[in-house]
Amino acid sequence: MTKMINVDIDKCTGCGVCELMCSFKHHQEFNPLRARIHKTLYLDKAVAIPVLCRQCEDPWCARICPAGAITKGVDALSGATVVTVSEEKCVGCKMCMLACPYGAIAVGESGVAEKCDLCNGVPQCVKFCARGPFLSATWRRTSSIASREWPTPCSPPTSRRPE
């Protein structure tokens, strides 16, 4: 089974600590624009939804990559199955961005595709999340998360208001 970070969107406050820690881990600067996790805000519903790579079992980004820069393999440290981007092979064509149904991959300032790589088994977003919306202990798909219909930025989520 593919390991992934599960997110409880009901607990997310949209504070942005996950974005800051991700950008610091990968770029040594606190800049949410350079993070590999992003939050989508729905102000009318008062909800923030973190968007990150779901490490798909059959990744569309890898299938469409003309340079073969995106592959799926097992991380030696964590044992997690991770979809990775080879900086040497990536040509920056952005086809992976179009193929990803979650919007979890982007071409960075260097012209190379960037996505969540689970931080070599110690995801910084999980480690530093103050509210604990990331379920770091299990790291596996659960029926409630896997079957959840994730809204897109064009369609606001349903019933996420605090009661």
N, C-alpha and C. Protein backbone atom coordinates (compact mmCIF):
# COMPACT_ATOMS: atom_id res chain seq x y z
N MET A 1 0.84 -1.18 0.00
CA MET A 1 0.00 0.00 0.00
C MET A 1 0.88 1.24 0.00
N THR A 2 0.49 2.22 -0.77
CA THR A 2 1.23 3.47 -0.87
C THR A 2 1.06 4.27 0.41
N LYS A 3 2.18 4.70 0.98
CA LYS A 3 2.10 5.56 2.15
C LYS A 3 1.92 6.99 1.70
N MET A 4 1.15 7.74 2.48
CA MET A 4 0.92 9.14 2.14
C MET A 4 0.58 9.90 3.40
N ILE A 5 0.59 11.20 3.31
CA ILE A 5 0.21 12.04 4.43
C ILE A 5 -1.29 12.25 4.37
N ASN A 6 -1.97 11.91 5.43
CA ASN A 6 -3.41 12.13 5.50
C ASN A 6 -3.67 13.46 6.18
N VAL A 7 -4.65 14.18 5.68
CA VAL A 7 -4.98 15.49 6.20
C VAL A 7 -6.42 15.50 6.68
N ASP A 8 -6.63 15.98 7.89
CA ASP A 8 -7.98 16.18 8.40
C ASP A 8 -8.31 17.64 8.17
N ILE A 9 -9.03 17.93 7.09
CA ILE A 9 -9.28 19.32 6.73
C ILE A 9 -10.20 20.03 7.72
N ASP A 10 -10.89 19.28 8.55
CA ASP A 10 -11.75 19.90 9.55
C ASP A 10 -10.94 20.58 10.66
N LYS A 11 -9.69 20.16 10.86
CA LYS A 11 -8.85 20.73 11.90
C LYS A 11 -7.92 21.83 11.38
N CYS A 12 -7.73 21.92 10.08
CA CYS A 12 -6.78 22.89 9.52
C CYS A 12 -7.29 24.31 9.72
N THR A 13 -6.42 25.16 10.29
CA THR A 13 -6.77 26.56 10.53
C THR A 13 -6.26 27.48 9.43
N GLY A 14 -5.43 26.95 8.53
CA GLY A 14 -4.86 27.76 7.47
C GLY A 14 -3.71 28.63 7.94
N CYS A 15 -3.05 28.25 9.03
CA CYS A 15 -1.99 29.07 9.62
C CYS A 15 -0.76 29.18 8.73
N GLY A 16 -0.49 28.19 7.89
CA GLY A 16 0.62 28.25 6.96
C GLY A 16 1.95 27.75 7.48
N VAL A 17 2.00 27.21 8.69
CA VAL A 17 3.25 26.68 9.23
C VAL A 17 3.77 25.55 8.35
N CYS A 18 2.88 24.73 7.82
CA CYS A 18 3.31 23.62 6.94
C CYS A 18 4.04 24.16 5.72
N GLU A 19 3.54 25.22 5.13
CA GLU A 19 4.18 25.82 3.96
C GLU A 19 5.56 26.39 4.32
N LEU A 20 5.64 27.07 5.45
CA LEU A 20 6.91 27.66 5.86
C LEU A 20 7.97 26.60 6.12
N MET A 21 7.60 25.53 6.80
CA MET A 21 8.57 24.49 7.12
C MET A 21 8.99 23.71 5.87
N CYS A 22 8.07 23.52 4.94
CA CYS A 22 8.40 22.85 3.69
C CYS A 22 9.39 23.67 2.88
N SER A 23 9.13 24.96 2.76
CA SER A 23 10.04 25.81 1.98
C SER A 23 11.41 25.90 2.65
N PHE A 24 11.43 25.90 3.99
CA PHE A 24 12.72 25.94 4.68
C PHE A 24 13.50 24.65 4.47
N LYS A 25 12.81 23.52 4.50
CA LYS A 25 13.47 22.23 4.30
C LYS A 25 14.10 22.13 2.91
N HIS A 26 13.39 22.59 1.90
CA HIS A 26 13.84 22.41 0.53
C HIS A 26 14.64 23.57 -0.05
N HIS A 27 14.41 24.80 0.47
CA HIS A 27 15.07 25.98 -0.12
C HIS A 27 15.79 26.85 0.91
N GLN A 28 15.80 26.44 2.17
CA GLN A 28 16.45 27.17 3.26
C GLN A 28 15.96 28.61 3.38
N GLU A 29 14.68 28.82 3.14
CA GLU A 29 14.06 30.12 3.35
C GLU A 29 12.59 29.91 3.72
N PHE A 30 12.08 30.81 4.54
CA PHE A 30 10.67 30.74 4.93
C PHE A 30 9.85 31.52 3.90
N ASN A 31 9.44 30.85 2.85
CA ASN A 31 8.72 31.46 1.76
C ASN A 31 7.63 30.51 1.29
N PRO A 32 6.38 30.75 1.65
CA PRO A 32 5.31 29.83 1.28
C PRO A 32 5.13 29.66 -0.23
N LEU A 33 5.58 30.62 -1.00
CA LEU A 33 5.48 30.50 -2.46
C LEU A 33 6.41 29.43 -3.01
N ARG A 34 7.41 29.04 -2.25
CA ARG A 34 8.35 28.01 -2.70
C ARG A 34 8.09 26.66 -2.03
N ALA A 35 7.01 26.54 -1.28
CA ALA A 35 6.68 25.29 -0.60
C ALA A 35 6.11 24.27 -1.58
N ARG A 36 6.21 23.01 -1.22
CA ARG A 36 5.66 21.93 -2.04
C ARG A 36 4.30 21.49 -1.52
N ILE A 37 3.82 22.18 -0.51
CA ILE A 37 2.46 22.03 -0.02
C ILE A 37 1.84 23.42 -0.06
N HIS A 38 0.60 23.49 -0.47
CA HIS A 38 -0.08 24.78 -0.55
C HIS A 38 -1.47 24.62 0.03
N LYS A 39 -2.00 25.70 0.54
CA LYS A 39 -3.36 25.64 1.04
C LYS A 39 -4.28 26.43 0.12
N THR A 40 -5.44 25.89 -0.11
CA THR A 40 -6.47 26.56 -0.87
C THR A 40 -7.47 27.09 0.13
N LEU A 41 -7.73 28.39 0.08
CA LEU A 41 -8.64 29.03 1.04
C LEU A 41 -10.01 29.24 0.42
N TYR A 42 -11.02 28.92 1.19
CA TYR A 42 -12.40 29.20 0.82
C TYR A 42 -12.95 30.12 1.89
N LEU A 43 -12.87 31.42 1.65
CA LEU A 43 -13.25 32.40 2.66
C LEU A 43 -14.74 32.36 2.97
N ASP A 44 -15.56 32.11 1.97
CA ASP A 44 -16.99 32.09 2.21
C ASP A 44 -17.41 30.92 3.10
N LYS A 45 -16.63 29.86 3.14
CA LYS A 45 -16.93 28.71 3.99
C LYS A 45 -16.01 28.61 5.20
N ALA A 46 -15.07 29.55 5.32
CA ALA A 46 -14.12 29.58 6.45
C ALA A 46 -13.36 28.26 6.57
N VAL A 47 -12.76 27.83 5.45
CA VAL A 47 -12.02 26.57 5.46
C VAL A 47 -10.75 26.72 4.62
N ALA A 48 -9.70 26.05 5.07
CA ALA A 48 -8.44 25.98 4.33
C ALA A 48 -8.17 24.50 4.04
N ILE A 49 -7.80 24.20 2.82
CA ILE A 49 -7.53 22.82 2.44
C ILE A 49 -6.09 22.70 1.96
N PRO A 50 -5.25 21.99 2.72
CA PRO A 50 -3.87 21.78 2.28
C PRO A 50 -3.85 20.86 1.05
N VAL A 51 -3.04 21.25 0.06
CA VAL A 51 -2.91 20.48 -1.16
C VAL A 51 -1.47 20.01 -1.27
N LEU A 52 -1.27 18.70 -1.35
CA LEU A 52 0.06 18.14 -1.50
C LEU A 52 -0.04 16.84 -2.28
N CYS A 53 1.09 16.37 -2.76
CA CYS A 53 1.12 15.16 -3.57
C CYS A 53 0.59 13.98 -2.77
N ARG A 54 -0.28 13.21 -3.39
CA ARG A 54 -0.87 12.04 -2.74
C ARG A 54 -0.11 10.76 -3.07
N GLN A 55 1.05 10.88 -3.72
CA GLN A 55 1.89 9.73 -4.04
C GLN A 55 1.03 8.64 -4.69
N CYS A 56 0.38 8.99 -5.78
CA CYS A 56 -0.57 8.11 -6.47
C CYS A 56 0.02 6.74 -6.79
N GLU A 57 -0.83 5.73 -6.76
CA GLU A 57 -0.39 4.39 -7.13
C GLU A 57 -0.07 4.32 -8.61
N ASP A 58 -0.82 5.04 -9.43
CA ASP A 58 -0.56 5.12 -10.87
C ASP A 58 -0.49 6.61 -11.22
N PRO A 59 0.64 7.26 -10.99
CA PRO A 59 0.73 8.71 -11.14
C PRO A 59 0.61 9.18 -12.60
N TRP A 60 -0.38 10.03 -12.84
CA TRP A 60 -0.58 10.57 -14.17
C TRP A 60 0.58 11.44 -14.59
N CYS A 61 1.18 12.14 -13.64
CA CYS A 61 2.32 13.01 -13.97
C CYS A 61 3.47 12.20 -14.55
N ALA A 62 3.70 11.01 -14.02
CA ALA A 62 4.78 10.16 -14.52
C ALA A 62 4.44 9.60 -15.90
N ARG A 63 3.18 9.29 -16.12
CA ARG A 63 2.77 8.74 -17.42
C ARG A 63 2.92 9.75 -18.54
N ILE A 64 2.67 11.01 -18.24
CA ILE A 64 2.67 12.02 -19.30
C ILE A 64 4.03 12.68 -19.52
N CYS A 65 4.96 12.52 -18.58
CA CYS A 65 6.25 13.19 -18.67
C CYS A 65 7.03 12.72 -19.91
N PRO A 66 7.28 13.62 -20.88
CA PRO A 66 7.96 13.21 -22.10
C PRO A 66 9.44 12.90 -21.89
N ALA A 67 10.03 13.42 -20.82
CA ALA A 67 11.45 13.20 -20.57
C ALA A 67 11.71 12.01 -19.65
N GLY A 68 10.65 11.41 -19.10
CA GLY A 68 10.81 10.31 -18.17
C GLY A 68 11.44 10.74 -16.86
N ALA A 69 11.22 12.00 -16.49
CA ALA A 69 11.85 12.56 -15.29
C ALA A 69 11.11 12.20 -14.00
N ILE A 70 9.87 11.77 -14.11
CA ILE A 70 9.07 11.45 -12.92
C ILE A 70 8.94 9.95 -12.80
N THR A 71 9.39 9.43 -11.68
CA THR A 71 9.35 7.98 -11.44
C THR A 71 8.77 7.69 -10.07
N LYS A 72 8.41 6.45 -9.90
CA LYS A 72 7.87 6.00 -8.62
C LYS A 72 8.83 4.97 -8.06
N GLY A 73 9.21 5.14 -6.80
CA GLY A 73 10.12 4.20 -6.17
C GLY A 73 9.93 4.16 -4.67
N VAL A 74 10.70 3.34 -4.00
CA VAL A 74 10.61 3.20 -2.55
C VAL A 74 11.74 3.97 -1.90
N ASP A 75 11.38 4.82 -0.94
CA ASP A 75 12.37 5.59 -0.19
C ASP A 75 13.12 4.64 0.74
N ALA A 76 14.43 4.66 0.68
CA ALA A 76 15.26 3.74 1.46
C ALA A 76 15.13 3.96 2.96
N LEU A 77 14.96 5.20 3.39
CA LEU A 77 14.89 5.49 4.82
C LEU A 77 13.54 5.17 5.44
N SER A 78 12.46 5.58 4.77
CA SER A 78 11.13 5.44 5.36
C SER A 78 10.37 4.21 4.89
N GLY A 79 10.76 3.65 3.75
CA GLY A 79 10.02 2.52 3.19
C GLY A 79 8.77 2.96 2.46
N ALA A 80 8.55 4.27 2.36
CA ALA A 80 7.37 4.80 1.69
C ALA A 80 7.57 4.78 0.18
N THR A 81 6.50 4.53 -0.54
CA THR A 81 6.53 4.64 -1.98
C THR A 81 6.39 6.11 -2.32
N VAL A 82 7.37 6.65 -3.06
CA VAL A 82 7.40 8.08 -3.34
C VAL A 82 7.54 8.32 -4.84
N VAL A 83 6.76 9.24 -5.34
CA VAL A 83 6.87 9.68 -6.72
C VAL A 83 7.88 10.82 -6.71
N THR A 84 8.98 10.68 -7.46
CA THR A 84 10.05 11.67 -7.43
C THR A 84 10.30 12.27 -8.81
N VAL A 85 10.92 13.45 -8.80
CA VAL A 85 11.28 14.16 -10.02
C VAL A 85 12.79 14.21 -10.12
N SER A 86 13.33 13.78 -11.24
CA SER A 86 14.76 13.86 -11.48
C SER A 86 15.09 15.25 -12.02
N GLU A 87 15.86 16.02 -11.25
CA GLU A 87 16.23 17.37 -11.68
C GLU A 87 17.06 17.35 -12.95
N GLU A 88 17.83 16.28 -13.15
CA GLU A 88 18.68 16.18 -14.33
C GLU A 88 17.88 15.94 -15.60
N LYS A 89 16.78 15.20 -15.49
CA LYS A 89 15.99 14.84 -16.67
C LYS A 89 14.87 15.83 -16.99
N CYS A 90 14.37 16.53 -15.98
CA CYS A 90 13.22 17.41 -16.18
C CYS A 90 13.56 18.54 -17.14
N VAL A 91 12.67 18.76 -18.12
CA VAL A 91 12.86 19.83 -19.10
C VAL A 91 11.96 21.03 -18.83
N GLY A 92 11.14 20.95 -17.79
CA GLY A 92 10.28 22.07 -17.42
C GLY A 92 9.12 22.32 -18.36
N CYS A 93 8.61 21.29 -19.01
CA CYS A 93 7.54 21.45 -20.00
C CYS A 93 6.16 21.70 -19.38
N LYS A 94 5.99 21.41 -18.10
CA LYS A 94 4.76 21.63 -17.34
C LYS A 94 3.62 20.67 -17.69
N MET A 95 3.92 19.62 -18.42
CA MET A 95 2.88 18.63 -18.73
C MET A 95 2.40 17.94 -17.46
N CYS A 96 3.30 17.74 -16.51
CA CYS A 96 2.93 17.11 -15.24
C CYS A 96 1.92 17.96 -14.48
N MET A 97 2.07 19.27 -14.56
CA MET A 97 1.13 20.17 -13.90
C MET A 97 -0.27 20.00 -14.47
N LEU A 98 -0.35 19.84 -15.78
CA LEU A 98 -1.65 19.65 -16.42
C LEU A 98 -2.25 18.30 -16.08
N ALA A 99 -1.41 17.29 -15.91
CA ALA A 99 -1.89 15.93 -15.67
C ALA A 99 -2.32 15.67 -14.24
N CYS A 100 -1.73 16.35 -13.27
CA CYS A 100 -2.02 16.07 -11.86
C CYS A 100 -3.44 16.50 -11.51
N PRO A 101 -4.30 15.56 -11.09
CA PRO A 101 -5.68 15.92 -10.77
C PRO A 101 -5.80 16.70 -9.46
N TYR A 102 -4.73 16.77 -8.66
CA TYR A 102 -4.78 17.45 -7.38
C TYR A 102 -4.08 18.81 -7.40
N GLY A 103 -3.40 19.14 -8.48
CA GLY A 103 -2.68 20.41 -8.54
C GLY A 103 -1.51 20.44 -7.58
N ALA A 104 -0.87 19.29 -7.39
CA ALA A 104 0.16 19.15 -6.37
C ALA A 104 1.58 19.19 -6.92
N ILE A 105 1.75 19.55 -8.16
CA ILE A 105 3.09 19.62 -8.74
C ILE A 105 3.20 20.96 -9.48
N ALA A 106 4.35 21.56 -9.38
CA ALA A 106 4.57 22.87 -10.02
C ALA A 106 6.00 22.96 -10.51
N VAL A 107 6.21 23.80 -11.49
CA VAL A 107 7.56 24.06 -11.97
C VAL A 107 8.08 25.28 -11.22
N GLY A 108 9.19 25.09 -10.51
CA GLY A 108 9.74 26.14 -9.67
C GLY A 108 10.58 27.15 -10.44
N GLU A 109 11.20 28.05 -9.68
CA GLU A 109 12.03 29.11 -10.26
C GLU A 109 13.19 28.57 -11.09
N SER A 110 13.65 27.38 -10.73
CA SER A 110 14.79 26.78 -11.45
C SER A 110 14.39 26.14 -12.77
N GLY A 111 13.07 26.10 -13.05
CA GLY A 111 12.59 25.49 -14.29
C GLY A 111 12.41 23.99 -14.19
N VAL A 112 12.45 23.46 -12.97
CA VAL A 112 12.31 22.03 -12.73
C VAL A 112 11.03 21.78 -11.93
N ALA A 113 10.33 20.71 -12.27
CA ALA A 113 9.11 20.36 -11.54
C ALA A 113 9.44 20.03 -10.08
N GLU A 114 8.60 20.50 -9.16
CA GLU A 114 8.76 20.24 -7.73
C GLU A 114 7.46 19.71 -7.16
N LYS A 115 7.59 18.73 -6.27
CA LYS A 115 6.42 18.15 -5.60
C LYS A 115 6.85 17.58 -4.26
N CYS A 116 5.91 17.22 -3.46
CA CYS A 116 6.21 16.64 -2.14
C CYS A 116 7.00 15.34 -2.31
N ASP A 117 8.08 15.24 -1.56
CA ASP A 117 8.89 14.02 -1.59
C ASP A 117 8.92 13.34 -0.21
N LEU A 118 7.99 13.73 0.65
CA LEU A 118 7.87 13.20 2.01
C LEU A 118 9.12 13.47 2.86
N CYS A 119 9.94 14.40 2.45
CA CYS A 119 11.13 14.83 3.22
C CYS A 119 11.96 13.65 3.71
N ASN A 120 12.17 12.68 2.86
CA ASN A 120 12.96 11.49 3.21
C ASN A 120 12.44 10.79 4.46
N GLY A 121 11.14 10.71 4.58
CA GLY A 121 10.53 9.97 5.68
C GLY A 121 10.19 10.77 6.91
N VAL A 122 10.59 12.03 6.97
CA VAL A 122 10.27 12.89 8.12
C VAL A 122 9.64 14.18 7.58
N PRO A 123 8.37 14.13 7.16
CA PRO A 123 7.73 15.31 6.59
C PRO A 123 7.69 16.46 7.60
N GLN A 124 8.26 17.59 7.21
CA GLN A 124 8.32 18.73 8.10
C GLN A 124 6.94 19.32 8.36
N CYS A 125 6.03 19.22 7.41
CA CYS A 125 4.67 19.72 7.62
C CYS A 125 3.98 18.93 8.73
N VAL A 126 4.24 17.65 8.79
CA VAL A 126 3.67 16.80 9.85
C VAL A 126 4.32 17.13 11.19
N LYS A 127 5.61 17.26 11.17
CA LYS A 127 6.39 17.47 12.40
C LYS A 127 6.02 18.77 13.11
N PHE A 128 5.77 19.84 12.35
CA PHE A 128 5.57 21.15 12.95
C PHE A 128 4.13 21.64 12.97
N CYS A 129 3.18 20.85 12.53
CA CYS A 129 1.79 21.28 12.52
C CYS A 129 1.29 21.44 13.95
N ALA A 130 0.87 22.65 14.30
CA ALA A 130 0.44 22.95 15.67
C ALA A 130 -0.89 22.31 16.03
N ARG A 131 -1.80 22.21 15.08
CA ARG A 131 -3.13 21.68 15.35
C ARG A 131 -3.23 20.17 15.16
N GLY A 132 -2.24 19.58 14.56
CA GLY A 132 -2.26 18.14 14.36
C GLY A 132 -3.21 17.64 13.30
N PRO A 133 -3.49 18.41 12.22
CA PRO A 133 -4.37 17.87 11.20
C PRO A 133 -3.72 16.78 10.36
N PHE A 134 -2.40 16.66 10.43
CA PHE A 134 -1.73 15.60 9.70
C PHE A 134 -1.62 14.38 10.59
N LEU A 135 -2.01 13.24 10.10
CA LEU A 135 -1.99 12.02 10.90
C LEU A 135 -0.66 11.32 10.69
N SER A 136 0.36 11.78 11.37
CA SER A 136 1.71 11.30 11.14
C SER A 136 1.93 9.87 11.63
N ALA A 137 1.14 9.43 12.59
CA ALA A 137 1.37 8.10 13.16
C ALA A 137 1.00 6.99 12.18
N THR A 138 -0.01 7.19 11.38
CA THR A 138 -0.48 6.11 10.52
C THR A 138 0.09 6.18 9.10
N TRP A 139 0.09 7.35 8.51
CA TRP A 139 0.61 7.57 7.16
C TRP A 139 0.02 6.64 6.12
N ARG A 140 -1.15 6.14 6.32
CA ARG A 140 -1.72 5.27 5.30
C ARG A 140 -3.13 5.75 4.98
N ARG A 141 -3.61 5.31 3.86
CA ARG A 141 -4.94 5.72 3.46
C ARG A 141 -5.96 5.12 4.40
N THR A 142 -6.91 5.93 4.78
CA THR A 142 -8.04 5.43 5.54
C THR A 142 -9.28 5.60 4.68
N SER A 143 -10.29 4.85 4.95
CA SER A 143 -11.45 4.89 4.08
C SER A 143 -12.07 6.28 4.03
N SER A 144 -12.08 7.02 5.15
CA SER A 144 -12.71 8.33 5.14
C SER A 144 -11.92 9.33 4.30
N ILE A 145 -10.60 9.22 4.30
CA ILE A 145 -9.77 10.15 3.53
C ILE A 145 -9.73 9.73 2.07
N ALA A 146 -9.53 8.45 1.81
CA ALA A 146 -9.38 7.97 0.44
C ALA A 146 -10.66 8.18 -0.36
N SER A 147 -11.81 8.07 0.29
CA SER A 147 -13.06 8.19 -0.44
C SER A 147 -13.60 9.62 -0.46
N ARG A 148 -12.94 10.52 0.25
CA ARG A 148 -13.42 11.91 0.30
C ARG A 148 -13.29 12.55 -1.07
N GLU A 149 -14.31 13.27 -1.45
CA GLU A 149 -14.24 14.01 -2.71
C GLU A 149 -13.59 15.34 -2.43
N TRP A 150 -12.41 15.55 -3.00
CA TRP A 150 -11.66 16.78 -2.77
C TRP A 150 -12.17 17.86 -3.70
N PRO A 151 -12.56 19.01 -3.15
CA PRO A 151 -13.04 20.08 -4.00
C PRO A 151 -11.91 20.74 -4.78
N THR A 152 -12.26 21.32 -5.88
CA THR A 152 -11.28 22.08 -6.66
C THR A 152 -11.47 23.56 -6.33
N PRO A 153 -10.52 24.41 -6.68
CA PRO A 153 -10.68 25.83 -6.38
C PRO A 153 -11.94 26.44 -6.99
N CYS A 154 -12.51 25.80 -8.01
CA CYS A 154 -13.70 26.35 -8.65
C CYS A 154 -14.99 25.93 -7.96
N SER A 155 -14.94 24.89 -7.14
CA SER A 155 -16.15 24.43 -6.48
C SER A 155 -15.96 24.47 -4.97
N PRO A 156 -16.70 25.33 -4.27
CA PRO A 156 -16.52 25.41 -2.83
C PRO A 156 -16.95 24.13 -2.14
N PRO A 157 -16.30 23.79 -1.03
CA PRO A 157 -16.66 22.56 -0.32
C PRO A 157 -18.02 22.70 0.33
N THR A 158 -18.59 21.56 0.68
CA THR A 158 -19.88 21.56 1.33
C THR A 158 -19.73 21.35 2.82
N SER A 159 -20.59 21.90 3.57
CA SER A 159 -20.73 21.75 5.03
C SER A 159 -19.41 21.65 5.79
N ARG A 160 -18.60 22.66 5.75
CA ARG A 160 -17.36 22.68 6.51
C ARG A 160 -17.40 23.78 7.57
N ARG A 161 -18.54 24.36 7.80
CA ARG A 161 -18.66 25.41 8.81
C ARG A 161 -18.70 24.80 10.19
N PRO A 162 -18.05 25.44 11.16
CA PRO A 162 -18.15 24.96 12.54
C PRO A 162 -19.58 25.07 13.02
N GLU A 163 -19.98 24.12 13.82
CA GLU A 163 -21.39 24.11 14.27
C GLU A 163 -21.56 24.77 15.60
